[in-house]
Amino acid sequence: MTAPSSSSIGNDPLTPEAAEPPFSPTLVVELIRLLGKAARASQLYLPNNPIYQGAINALRGGFATVWTETDSLSLTLTEQEIRWFDVGVSDPAHTGKSSDNLAWLFYKDGVRELTISRGFEEEEVVHFLAIVQRARKGGADEDDLVAMLWEADFNFLAYRYVDLLSEGGDGAELFDGAGTGEPREPAPDPSAVRQRAEQAVEESRASGIVTVSDFDATLYFLDEGEIEYLHSEIVREYAIDLRANIVSTLFDIFESQADAEIRAEVLEDLHALMVHLLTAGQFRGVAYLLRESRATLQRNPNLPPSLRARLEDLPEQLSAPDALSQLLQALDSPLTLPPQDELISLFDQLQATALSTVFSWLGKSQNARLRELLEAAAGRLAAANSGELVRLIQTGDPDVSAEAIRRAGALRAQAAVLPLGRLLGDGDVVRRQLAVQALTDIGSAGALQALERALEDPDREVRITAVRALASKNYRPALPRLEAVVKGKALRDADLREKMAFFEGFGALCGDAGIPHLDSILNGKGFLGRREDPELRACAAMALGRVRGPRAIEALKKASDEKDVVVRSAVNKAMRSA
């Protein structure tokens, strides 16, 4: 057998062209996921184990699906992921510089490309998985992956690699694994090397010369880079979360076993495991378990209803009010929170039933970082569950209801218009004020129509907010109600702020048709030549400024030499804006 030879990147048929994928990357993503699952099964189970056999059969099925689109598959390997036509197709559950990440496992030994051809799944896939397993367990005296692949002499698998031992080690030159080129120089026999070294030591001792090797416990020294690599690998090994492997194994058993009793037992274990992980504060593991449960439901649409209900109950178990309240209470107490990415992953798994609890805790939490994360979770849940959001608008808990009203306005939820309109008759003035603001934010025709009722609300702030909202939206159907208020006697007894709001709102909507009434207030005289109250005249002037146009300016000019300072100031200001 001969060693691989150098080949040109541009002319090599194994290099995929930078073009659009010829078919959906989803098929390749699923194939890589099945490949990782089969590799994990070969690591954990014997070949006669049903789970192992099921994983291999599923992998062969994945290849069969891909072969309906193409006869070969060329994959590029980077440090972090596997790419196909420059599209990432790696399993998102296994990333980083870990032996669980197939991309890193091959990349660190120099392999940069793999090309798999039709027939690989039947003839060579088991041998390939055995090589992956050897590479994961490989010690210092084991061959690297390139050597293992070369020795395997696959017919349906080609590969390209970088010679990491070449001078410079910059990986600029790729070699292919087709089995052509110059013969390799045979590797030295380790026993012969050791024998020669021991003989040299004995000779140095006999001559009375002390050498450094006399005090070296090993045959060779390690340089700093090698020592650092060993340290990093030890740290990485101890950092591996075995809980994720346990979760994966349980779901593998659930999917591979058709027996209902076995599946029911697995579900009991998963429920117990989730409680244990929550108690231990292992939130990343909980998030992973819930993501896998959702993926399992999607991959198995024909599960019996009883099993499907229990699997769906896993995320609901976390989102239940009692469980989630206890969790948030525990998180709110300590000065330091778990890593933010862990909490984000956990909160992303919350269901609609968690919305009420999250809203309640937004006002109670004393931890600023936790409140920030809850805000993001509340926004995601509210946007995805408008039905639950609408229900919470009319709940009896004032804190939850207030937050639901604010969220409905921020999301411009059309479905919330009807319950928000009902709140305008609520006895709680705070809820009415929030409802008016939310209807204003929604701004639809239905929302503005509901706002008309608020023009006659008992609370002044509600009335002012409503009239300003209708004017800002230029909602002309509200003009008859607004005109009735402006021409009525009740407004004369209101304070200046409310008078100004209603007159300006009237001016914004009435157009030229309203000028005669405003002109009569500003410039008209009553019995015995008496004029209207200065505040009311000033409000009429501001309203004419909102009407604009030549006729409005003409009415304002009549009062330009007004002696009353309040009226004169309002006229001058109105003329500047008219």
Foldseek 3Di string as FASTA:
>chain_A
DAFFDFDDQVPDPLNDDLDDDPDDLVLVLVLQVLLLLLLLCVLPDDPVDLLNVLSLVVNLVSVVVVVVRHFKFKWFADLWAIDGSNHGSHDVVDTDCALSGVSNLQVVLFWTMKMFGPPCSPPPSVVVSVLSSCSNVPDPPDDGSLVSVLVVQDPGMKTKGFDCPPVPSPRPTITINNRDDHHDDDDDDVVVVVVVQVVVVVVCVVVVHDDPVVVDPDPDDDDPVVVVVVVVVVVVVVPDDCLLVVLSVLLSQLVSDPDPVSNVVSLVVLLVVLVVCLVVVVLQSLLSNLVVLVVSCVVCVPDPPVSNVSSVCSLVVCLALVNVLVSVVVQLPDPDHDDPVSVLSNLVSHALSNLLNLQVVLVVRPHPVVNVSSVVSNLVSCVVCVVSLLVQCPDPPPSSNLSSLQSCLVNLPPVNQVVLLVCCPPPDVVSVQSSLNSLLSNLDPSSLVSLLVQCPRPDLNSNLSSLQSCLVSLPQVSQVVLVCVLPDDVLVPDDLSSLLSSLLSNLSHVAPVCQVVLLCQQPNADPPRHHHDLSNNLSSLQSLLNNDDDSSLVSLVVCCVPPPPSNNVSSVVSNVSD
